[in-house]
Amino acid sequence: MATQESGSASADRLTMFVDAVIAIALTLLALDLRVPTGDTVTAMATSVLDHRGEYLAFVLSFVVIAAHWRAHHDTFRHVGSVSPRLTSLTLVWLFMQVVMPFATRVITAEGAFAPRFSLYAIVQVLASATLALIIRQIRRERLYRGDVPPEVFSPILVRSICLASVFAVSVPVSFFTTNAFVCWLAIPVVLTVARMIQSDRADRRAVQGSST
């Protein structure tokens, strides 16, 4: 009982640490936002339009970091204990989140190298792939709670693989065009298709189970 409580406490501490680091990453993301300038509404609007790329990049990265955090949170709410390997993988995943504000600045920097979107995409690939490894480690070491079936991690794992795949495709594309980010628009479609396939498989298993 003491071991179980200790493991649960360790998982809670790791989750709180993750939350704190994510909060810092989001703060760093906002620190470099330029304040619109101008003495009139028109001048302010013009200033906003001039820096629209930076604002859009901020919104994109905020949504992406929030999505990564939510996936990690959804994973760890089923975790009952941690291991050194799981802690190390979580630290690697956190490193990717902290690097993300820097990658965002590279995207919006003037005179940045042509395939600058590749850096951002690589960070996303590594973050998503690391989360997939985290889930794999949780399953392998059976670190999930006793009342949790291992299948509960499947949707999160599939989403991570889908995200890593889409961003990975955009990496070589970025060396040929500055519009490589268009590939990222396929993410909602890919996730929707993956969700439909998973739902269909779950329905089939339910039918087979009821027939037996």
C-alpha atoms as a PDB file:
ATOM      1  CA  MET A   1       0.000   0.000   0.000  1.00  0.00           C
ATOM      2  CA  ALA A   2       2.832   2.379   0.897  1.00  0.00           C
ATOM      3  CA  THR A   3       4.556   1.632  -2.410  1.00  0.00           C
ATOM      4  CA  GLN A   4       1.362   2.328  -4.333  1.00  0.00           C
ATOM      5  CA  GLU A   5       0.820   5.637  -2.512  1.00  0.00           C
ATOM      6  CA  SER A   6       4.434   6.600  -3.110  1.00  0.00           C
ATOM      7  CA  GLY A   7       4.090   5.813  -6.813  1.00  0.00           C
ATOM      8  CA  SER A   8       0.887   7.832  -7.064  1.00  0.00           C
ATOM      9  CA  ALA A   9       2.547  10.768  -5.292  1.00  0.00           C
ATOM     10  CA  SER A  10       5.484  10.622  -7.716  1.00  0.00           C
ATOM     11  CA  ALA A  11       3.114  10.664 -10.682  1.00  0.00           C
ATOM     12  CA  ASP A  12       1.292  13.672  -9.221  1.00  0.00           C
ATOM     13  CA  ARG A  13       4.559  15.546  -8.638  1.00  0.00           C
ATOM     14  CA  LEU A  14       5.696  14.871 -12.191  1.00  0.00           C
ATOM     15  CA  THR A  15       2.349  16.082 -13.533  1.00  0.00           C
ATOM     16  CA  MET A  16       2.567  19.303 -11.497  1.00  0.00           C
ATOM     17  CA  PHE A  17       6.116  19.856 -12.736  1.00  0.00           C
ATOM     18  CA  VAL A  18       4.925  19.428 -16.324  1.00  0.00           C
ATOM     19  CA  ASP A  19       2.119  21.942 -15.752  1.00  0.00           C
ATOM     20  CA  ALA A  20       4.592  24.491 -14.376  1.00  0.00           C
ATOM     21  CA  VAL A  21       7.006  24.125 -17.299  1.00  0.00           C
ATOM     22  CA  ILE A  22       4.179  24.393 -19.842  1.00  0.00           C
ATOM     23  CA  ALA A  23       3.010  27.601 -18.156  1.00  0.00           C
ATOM     24  CA  ILE A  24       6.536  29.001 -18.492  1.00  0.00           C
ATOM     25  CA  ALA A  25       6.705  27.966 -22.160  1.00  0.00           C
ATOM     26  CA  LEU A  26       3.428  29.753 -22.897  1.00  0.00           C
ATOM     27  CA  THR A  27       4.706  32.840 -21.080  1.00  0.00           C
ATOM     28  CA  LEU A  28       7.919  32.842 -23.119  1.00  0.00           C
ATOM     29  CA  LEU A  29       5.784  32.560 -26.227  1.00  0.00           C
ATOM     30  CA  ALA A  30       3.980  35.810 -25.391  1.00  0.00           C
ATOM     31  CA  LEU A  31       7.005  37.816 -24.247  1.00  0.00           C
ATOM     32  CA  ASP A  32       8.244  38.537 -27.777  1.00  0.00           C
ATOM     33  CA  LEU A  33       4.892  39.733 -29.114  1.00  0.00           C
ATOM     34  CA  ARG A  34       5.241  43.268 -30.431  1.00  0.00           C
ATOM     35  CA  VAL A  35       2.836  45.869 -29.076  1.00  0.00           C
ATOM     36  CA  PRO A  36       0.973  47.689 -31.885  1.00  0.00           C
ATOM     37  CA  THR A  37       2.003  51.322 -32.256  1.00  0.00           C
ATOM     38  CA  GLY A  38       0.235  54.384 -33.628  1.00  0.00           C
ATOM     39  CA  ASP A  39      -1.598  57.523 -32.561  1.00  0.00           C
ATOM     40  CA  THR A  40      -4.825  56.664 -34.361  1.00  0.00           C
ATOM     41  CA  VAL A  41      -7.021  53.625 -34.796  1.00  0.00           C
ATOM     42  CA  THR A  42      -5.944  53.411 -38.427  1.00  0.00           C
ATOM     43  CA  ALA A  43      -2.268  53.505 -37.479  1.00  0.00           C
ATOM     44  CA  MET A  44      -2.814  50.845 -34.829  1.00  0.00           C
ATOM     45  CA  ALA A  45      -4.662  48.643 -37.312  1.00  0.00           C
ATOM     46  CA  THR A  46      -1.847  49.099 -39.815  1.00  0.00           C
ATOM     47  CA  SER A  47       0.701  48.122 -37.173  1.00  0.00           C
ATOM     48  CA  VAL A  48      -1.293  44.996 -36.337  1.00  0.00           C
ATOM     49  CA  LEU A  49      -1.429  44.038 -40.018  1.00  0.00           C
ATOM     50  CA  ASP A  50       2.302  44.635 -40.388  1.00  0.00           C
ATOM     51  CA  HIS A  51       2.979  42.138 -37.606  1.00  0.00           C
ATOM     52  CA  ARG A  52       0.163  39.723 -38.430  1.00  0.00           C
ATOM     53  CA  GLY A  53       2.661  36.947 -39.156  1.00  0.00           C
ATOM     54  CA  GLU A  54       3.989  37.125 -35.607  1.00  0.00           C
ATOM     55  CA  TYR A  55       0.501  37.147 -34.115  1.00  0.00           C
ATOM     56  CA  LEU A  56      -0.616  34.205 -36.237  1.00  0.00           C
ATOM     57  CA  ALA A  57       2.528  32.280 -35.288  1.00  0.00           C
ATOM     58  CA  PHE A  58       1.793  32.999 -31.623  1.00  0.00           C
ATOM     59  CA  VAL A  59      -1.770  31.696 -31.931  1.00  0.00           C
ATOM     60  CA  LEU A  60      -0.563  28.605 -33.804  1.00  0.00           C
ATOM     61  CA  SER A  61       2.105  27.787 -31.237  1.00  0.00           C
ATOM     62  CA  PHE A  62      -0.246  28.445 -28.322  1.00  0.00           C
ATOM     63  CA  VAL A  63      -2.762  25.999 -29.774  1.00  0.00           C
ATOM     64  CA  VAL A  64      -0.037  23.440 -30.530  1.00  0.00           C
ATOM     65  CA  ILE A  65       1.538  23.618 -27.061  1.00  0.00           C
ATOM     66  CA  ALA A  66      -1.919  23.425 -25.478  1.00  0.00           C
ATOM     67  CA  ALA A  67      -2.704  20.354 -27.603  1.00  0.00           C
ATOM     68  CA  HIS A  68       0.565  18.700 -26.559  1.00  0.00           C
ATOM     69  CA  TRP A  69      -0.164  19.483 -22.905  1.00  0.00           C
ATOM     70  CA  ARG A  70      -3.702  18.123 -23.162  1.00  0.00           C
ATOM     71  CA  ALA A  71      -2.451  14.878 -24.709  1.00  0.00           C
ATOM     72  CA  HIS A  72       0.126  14.508 -21.938  1.00  0.00           C
ATOM     73  CA  HIS A  73      -2.487  15.340 -19.298  1.00  0.00           C
ATOM     74  CA  ASP A  74      -4.955  12.816 -20.741  1.00  0.00           C
ATOM     75  CA  THR A  75      -2.188  10.218 -20.628  1.00  0.00           C
ATOM     76  CA  PHE A  76      -0.958  10.853 -17.104  1.00  0.00           C
ATOM     77  CA  ARG A  77      -4.374  10.928 -15.476  1.00  0.00           C
ATOM     78  CA  HIS A  78      -4.328   7.161 -15.954  1.00  0.00           C
ATOM     79  CA  VAL A  79      -0.782   6.727 -14.600  1.00  0.00           C
ATOM     80  CA  GLY A  80      -0.430   5.250 -11.124  1.00  0.00           C
ATOM     81  CA  SER A  81       3.357   5.290 -10.772  1.00  0.00           C
ATOM     82  CA  VAL A  82       6.468   6.471 -12.583  1.00  0.00           C
ATOM     83  CA  SER A  83       9.854   5.004 -13.437  1.00  0.00           C
ATOM     84  CA  PRO A  84      13.232   6.608 -14.172  1.00  0.00           C
ATOM     85  CA  ARG A  85      12.760   5.858 -17.868  1.00  0.00           C
ATOM     86  CA  LEU A  86       9.328   7.492 -17.926  1.00  0.00           C
ATOM     87  CA  THR A  87      10.666  10.544 -16.105  1.00  0.00           C
ATOM     88  CA  SER A  88      13.513  10.882 -18.617  1.00  0.00           C
ATOM     89  CA  LEU A  89      11.134  10.663 -21.570  1.00  0.00           C
ATOM     90  CA  THR A  90       8.904  13.291 -19.978  1.00  0.00           C
ATOM     91  CA  LEU A  91      11.887  15.625 -19.592  1.00  0.00           C
ATOM     92  CA  VAL A  92      12.730  15.159 -23.277  1.00  0.00           C
ATOM     93  CA  TRP A  93       9.108  15.949 -24.151  1.00  0.00           C
ATOM     94  CA  LEU A  94       9.242  19.067 -21.965  1.00  0.00           C
ATOM     95  CA  PHE A  95      12.438  20.188 -23.684  1.00  0.00           C
ATOM     96  CA  MET A  96      10.570  20.176 -26.990  1.00  0.00           C
ATOM     97  CA  GLN A  97       7.831  22.354 -25.494  1.00  0.00           C
ATOM     98  CA  VAL A  98      10.379  24.866 -24.195  1.00  0.00           C
ATOM     99  CA  VAL A  99      12.142  24.968 -27.581  1.00  0.00           C
ATOM    100  CA  MET A 100       8.856  25.720 -29.332  1.00  0.00           C
ATOM    101  CA  PRO A 101       8.848  29.496 -28.575  1.00  0.00           C
ATOM    102  CA  PHE A 102      12.330  29.710 -30.123  1.00  0.00           C
ATOM    103  CA  ALA A 103      11.165  27.788 -33.188  1.00  0.00           C
ATOM    104  CA  THR A 104       8.228  30.191 -33.448  1.00  0.00           C
ATOM    105  CA  ARG A 105      10.580  33.190 -33.421  1.00  0.00           C
ATOM    106  CA  VAL A 106      12.626  31.589 -36.200  1.00  0.00           C
ATOM    107  CA  ILE A 107       9.495  31.310 -38.353  1.00  0.00           C
ATOM    108  CA  THR A 108       8.695  35.020 -38.002  1.00  0.00           C
ATOM    109  CA  ALA A 109      12.270  36.377 -38.066  1.00  0.00           C
ATOM    110  CA  GLU A 110      13.271  38.627 -40.941  1.00  0.00           C
ATOM    111  CA  GLY A 111      15.880  37.105 -43.194  1.00  0.00           C
ATOM    112  CA  ALA A 112      15.485  33.682 -41.602  1.00  0.00           C
ATOM    113  CA  PHE A 113      16.859  30.761 -43.573  1.00  0.00           C
ATOM    114  CA  ALA A 114      14.587  29.547 -46.351  1.00  0.00           C
ATOM    115  CA  PRO A 115      13.515  26.168 -44.916  1.00  0.00           C
ATOM    116  CA  ARG A 116      12.793  27.747 -41.508  1.00  0.00           C
ATOM    117  CA  PHE A 117       9.515  25.847 -41.255  1.00  0.00           C
ATOM    118  CA  SER A 118      11.527  22.633 -41.132  1.00  0.00           C
ATOM    119  CA  LEU A 119      12.884  23.542 -37.673  1.00  0.00           C
ATOM    120  CA  TYR A 120       9.376  24.065 -36.329  1.00  0.00           C
ATOM    121  CA  ALA A 121       8.166  20.848 -37.956  1.00  0.00           C
ATOM    122  CA  ILE A 122      11.106  18.849 -36.570  1.00  0.00           C
ATOM    123  CA  VAL A 123      10.308  20.076 -33.051  1.00  0.00           C
ATOM    124  CA  GLN A 124       6.703  18.922 -33.527  1.00  0.00           C
ATOM    125  CA  VAL A 125       7.824  15.540 -34.844  1.00  0.00           C
ATOM    126  CA  LEU A 126      10.119  14.992 -31.872  1.00  0.00           C
ATOM    127  CA  ALA A 127       7.476  16.136 -29.373  1.00  0.00           C
ATOM    128  CA  SER A 128       4.792  13.850 -30.816  1.00  0.00           C
ATOM    129  CA  ALA A 129       7.191  10.927 -31.194  1.00  0.00           C
ATOM    130  CA  THR A 130       8.364  11.346 -27.596  1.00  0.00           C
ATOM    131  CA  LEU A 131       4.788  11.247 -26.338  1.00  0.00           C
ATOM    132  CA  ALA A 132       4.285   8.028 -28.301  1.00  0.00           C
ATOM    133  CA  LEU A 133       7.374   6.611 -26.568  1.00  0.00           C
ATOM    134  CA  ILE A 134       5.974   7.741 -23.208  1.00  0.00           C
ATOM    135  CA  ILE A 135       2.768   5.804 -23.847  1.00  0.00           C
ATOM    136  CA  ARG A 136       4.774   2.785 -24.990  1.00  0.00           C
ATOM    137  CA  GLN A 137       6.821   2.914 -21.787  1.00  0.00           C
ATOM    138  CA  ILE A 138       3.715   3.202 -19.616  1.00  0.00           C
ATOM    139  CA  ARG A 139       2.290   0.114 -21.259  1.00  0.00           C
ATOM    140  CA  ARG A 140       5.540  -1.836 -21.158  1.00  0.00           C
ATOM    141  CA  GLU A 141       6.171  -1.231 -17.456  1.00  0.00           C
ATOM    142  CA  ARG A 142       2.455  -1.357 -16.581  1.00  0.00           C
ATOM    143  CA  LEU A 143       2.628   2.024 -14.892  1.00  0.00           C
ATOM    144  CA  TYR A 144      -1.065   2.682 -15.398  1.00  0.00           C
ATOM    145  CA  ARG A 145      -3.550   2.246 -12.573  1.00  0.00           C
ATOM    146  CA  GLY A 146      -4.962  -1.204 -11.934  1.00  0.00           C
ATOM    147  CA  ASP A 147      -8.479  -0.188 -12.935  1.00  0.00           C
ATOM    148  CA  VAL A 148      -7.334   1.210 -16.300  1.00  0.00           C
ATOM    149  CA  PRO A 149      -7.309  -1.002 -19.419  1.00  0.00           C
ATOM    150  CA  PRO A 150      -4.206  -0.489 -21.603  1.00  0.00           C
ATOM    151  CA  GLU A 151      -6.468   0.214 -24.590  1.00  0.00           C
ATOM    152  CA  VAL A 152      -7.352   3.602 -23.095  1.00  0.00           C
ATOM    153  CA  PHE A 153      -4.044   4.976 -24.404  1.00  0.00           C
ATOM    154  CA  SER A 154      -4.688   3.946 -28.015  1.00  0.00           C
ATOM    155  CA  PRO A 155      -6.491   7.137 -29.175  1.00  0.00           C
ATOM    156  CA  ILE A 156      -3.728   9.356 -27.771  1.00  0.00           C
ATOM    157  CA  LEU A 157      -1.059   7.159 -29.333  1.00  0.00           C
ATOM    158  CA  VAL A 158      -2.744   7.292 -32.740  1.00  0.00           C
ATOM    159  CA  ARG A 159      -3.065  11.091 -32.565  1.00  0.00           C
ATOM    160  CA  SER A 160       0.622  11.417 -31.704  1.00  0.00           C
ATOM    161  CA  ILE A 161       1.652   9.215 -34.616  1.00  0.00           C
ATOM    162  CA  CYS A 162      -0.622  11.138 -37.000  1.00  0.00           C
ATOM    163  CA  LEU A 163       0.785  14.501 -35.900  1.00  0.00           C
ATOM    164  CA  ALA A 164       4.361  13.272 -36.187  1.00  0.00           C
ATOM    165  CA  SER A 165       3.659  11.918 -39.673  1.00  0.00           C
ATOM    166  CA  VAL A 166       2.096  15.121 -41.033  1.00  0.00           C
ATOM    167  CA  PHE A 167       4.844  17.357 -39.661  1.00  0.00           C
ATOM    168  CA  ALA A 168       7.486  14.907 -40.917  1.00  0.00           C
ATOM    169  CA  VAL A 169       6.091  15.169 -44.450  1.00  0.00           C
ATOM    170  CA  SER A 170       6.393  18.964 -44.315  1.00  0.00           C
ATOM    171  CA  VAL A 171      10.118  18.857 -43.455  1.00  0.00           C
ATOM    172  CA  PRO A 172      11.429  17.930 -46.936  1.00  0.00           C
ATOM    173  CA  VAL A 173       8.735  20.102 -48.543  1.00  0.00           C
ATOM    174  CA  SER A 174      10.104  23.165 -46.722  1.00  0.00           C
ATOM    175  CA  PHE A 175      13.363  22.882 -48.667  1.00  0.00           C
ATOM    176  CA  PHE A 176      11.524  23.480 -51.941  1.00  0.00           C
ATOM    177  CA  THR A 177       8.880  26.046 -50.996  1.00  0.00           C
ATOM    178  CA  THR A 178       8.153  28.577 -48.273  1.00  0.00           C
ATOM    179  CA  ASN A 179       4.562  27.338 -48.191  1.00  0.00           C
ATOM    180  CA  ALA A 180       5.381  24.059 -46.466  1.00  0.00           C
ATOM    181  CA  PHE A 181       3.068  25.072 -43.636  1.00  0.00           C
ATOM    182  CA  VAL A 182       0.149  24.310 -45.967  1.00  0.00           C
ATOM    183  CA  CYS A 183       0.837  20.633 -45.239  1.00  0.00           C
ATOM    184  CA  TRP A 184      -0.145  21.303 -41.644  1.00  0.00           C
ATOM    185  CA  LEU A 185      -3.690  22.086 -42.775  1.00  0.00           C
ATOM    186  CA  ALA A 186      -4.093  18.358 -43.366  1.00  0.00           C
ATOM    187  CA  ILE A 187      -3.826  17.653 -39.632  1.00  0.00           C
ATOM    188  CA  PRO A 188      -7.567  18.001 -38.839  1.00  0.00           C
ATOM    189  CA  VAL A 189      -8.426  15.761 -41.804  1.00  0.00           C
ATOM    190  CA  VAL A 190      -5.889  13.100 -40.822  1.00  0.00           C
ATOM    191  CA  LEU A 191      -7.038  13.137 -37.191  1.00  0.00           C
ATOM    192  CA  THR A 192     -10.696  12.888 -38.228  1.00  0.00           C
ATOM    193  CA  VAL A 193     -10.007   9.908 -40.496  1.00  0.00           C
ATOM    194  CA  ALA A 194      -7.956   8.203 -37.767  1.00  0.00           C
ATOM    195  CA  ARG A 195     -10.755   8.790 -35.253  1.00  0.00           C
ATOM    196  CA  MET A 196     -13.327   7.287 -37.636  1.00  0.00           C
ATOM    197  CA  ILE A 197     -11.158   4.215 -38.223  1.00  0.00           C
ATOM    198  CA  GLN A 198     -10.676   3.729 -34.480  1.00  0.00           C
ATOM    199  CA  SER A 199     -14.395   4.112 -33.853  1.00  0.00           C
ATOM    200  CA  ASP A 200     -15.201   1.582 -36.570  1.00  0.00           C
ATOM    201  CA  ARG A 201     -12.742  -0.927 -35.102  1.00  0.00           C
ATOM    202  CA  ALA A 202     -14.183  -0.425 -31.626  1.00  0.00           C
ATOM    203  CA  ASP A 203     -17.693  -1.054 -32.950  1.00  0.00           C
ATOM    204  CA  ARG A 204     -16.551  -4.242 -34.675  1.00  0.00           C
ATOM    205  CA  ARG A 205     -14.901  -5.520 -31.497  1.00  0.00           C
ATOM    206  CA  ALA A 206     -18.064  -4.742 -29.548  1.00  0.00           C
ATOM    207  CA  VAL A 207     -20.186  -6.669 -32.061  1.00  0.00           C
ATOM    208  CA  GLN A 208     -17.798  -9.631 -31.998  1.00  0.00           C
ATOM    209  CA  GLY A 209     -17.767  -9.598 -28.203  1.00  0.00           C
ATOM    210  CA  SER A 210     -21.550  -9.570 -27.953  1.00  0.00           C
ATOM    211  CA  SER A 211     -21.882 -12.389 -30.493  1.00  0.00           C
ATOM    212  CA  THR A 212     -19.564 -14.638 -28.507  1.00  0.00           C
END
